Amino acid sequence: MMSSESTAINASQYSVNETLDIIEKLAQLRDLGALTDAEFNEKKSDLLQRI
C-alpha cells in the first residue's frame, strides 16, 4: 500500500516530465519556424514556473 506522500511525489514527478516534454515539442516548433525565439522563451518560462 502506498502512502499519500509517495503518491504526491509520483504525481509531481509526472508533472515535471510532462512539462519537459511540452518544452521539447515547443523547441521543435521553434526550430521549424512555427514559433519565434521570443514566443518560445515566454512559453518556456511560464511552464518552468509551474514545476
Protein backbone atom coordinates (compact mmCIF):
# COMPACT_ATOMS: atom_id res chain seq x y z
CA MET A 1 0.00 0.00 0.00
CA MET A 2 1.36 3.41 -0.98
CA SER A 3 1.27 6.34 1.37
CA SER A 4 -0.33 9.57 0.21
CA GLU A 5 3.10 11.21 0.41
CA SER A 6 4.68 8.86 -2.14
CA THR A 7 1.63 9.24 -4.39
CA ALA A 8 2.06 13.03 -4.29
CA ILE A 9 5.74 12.67 -5.18
CA ASN A 10 4.88 10.42 -8.14
CA ALA A 11 2.22 12.86 -9.37
CA SER A 12 4.68 15.74 -9.04
CA GLN A 13 7.37 13.86 -10.98
CA TYR A 14 4.93 13.07 -13.79
CA SER A 15 4.07 16.74 -13.97
CA VAL A 16 7.75 17.64 -14.33
CA ASN A 17 8.27 15.06 -17.07
CA GLU A 18 5.15 16.19 -18.88
CA THR A 19 6.27 19.81 -18.69
CA LEU A 20 9.70 18.95 -20.07
CA ASP A 21 8.06 17.05 -22.95
CA ILE A 22 5.98 20.10 -23.80
CA ILE A 23 9.08 22.32 -23.77
CA GLU A 24 10.82 19.88 -26.09
CA LYS A 25 7.88 19.99 -28.52
CA LEU A 26 7.85 23.78 -28.38
CA ALA A 27 11.57 23.79 -29.20
CA GLN A 28 10.86 21.66 -32.26
CA LEU A 29 8.20 24.13 -33.38
CA ARG A 30 10.68 26.97 -32.88
CA ASP A 31 13.30 25.11 -34.92
CA LEU A 32 10.75 24.62 -37.72
CA GLY A 33 9.98 28.34 -37.71
CA ALA A 34 6.46 27.98 -36.35
CA LEU A 35 7.40 29.94 -33.19
CA THR A 36 9.75 32.87 -32.76
CA ASP A 37 12.51 32.73 -30.15
CA ALA A 38 10.56 35.26 -28.07
CA GLU A 39 7.37 33.16 -28.20
CA PHE A 40 9.30 30.02 -27.25
CA ASN A 41 11.13 31.70 -24.37
CA GLU A 42 7.93 33.22 -23.00
CA LYS A 43 6.08 29.90 -23.01
CA LYS A 44 9.09 28.04 -21.62
CA SER A 45 9.33 30.47 -18.71
CA ASP A 46 5.61 30.05 -17.99
CA LEU A 47 5.91 26.27 -17.99
CA LEU A 48 9.02 26.18 -15.81
CA GLN A 49 7.31 28.31 -13.17
CA ARG A 50 4.70 25.56 -12.77
CA ILE A 51 7.19 22.94 -11.63
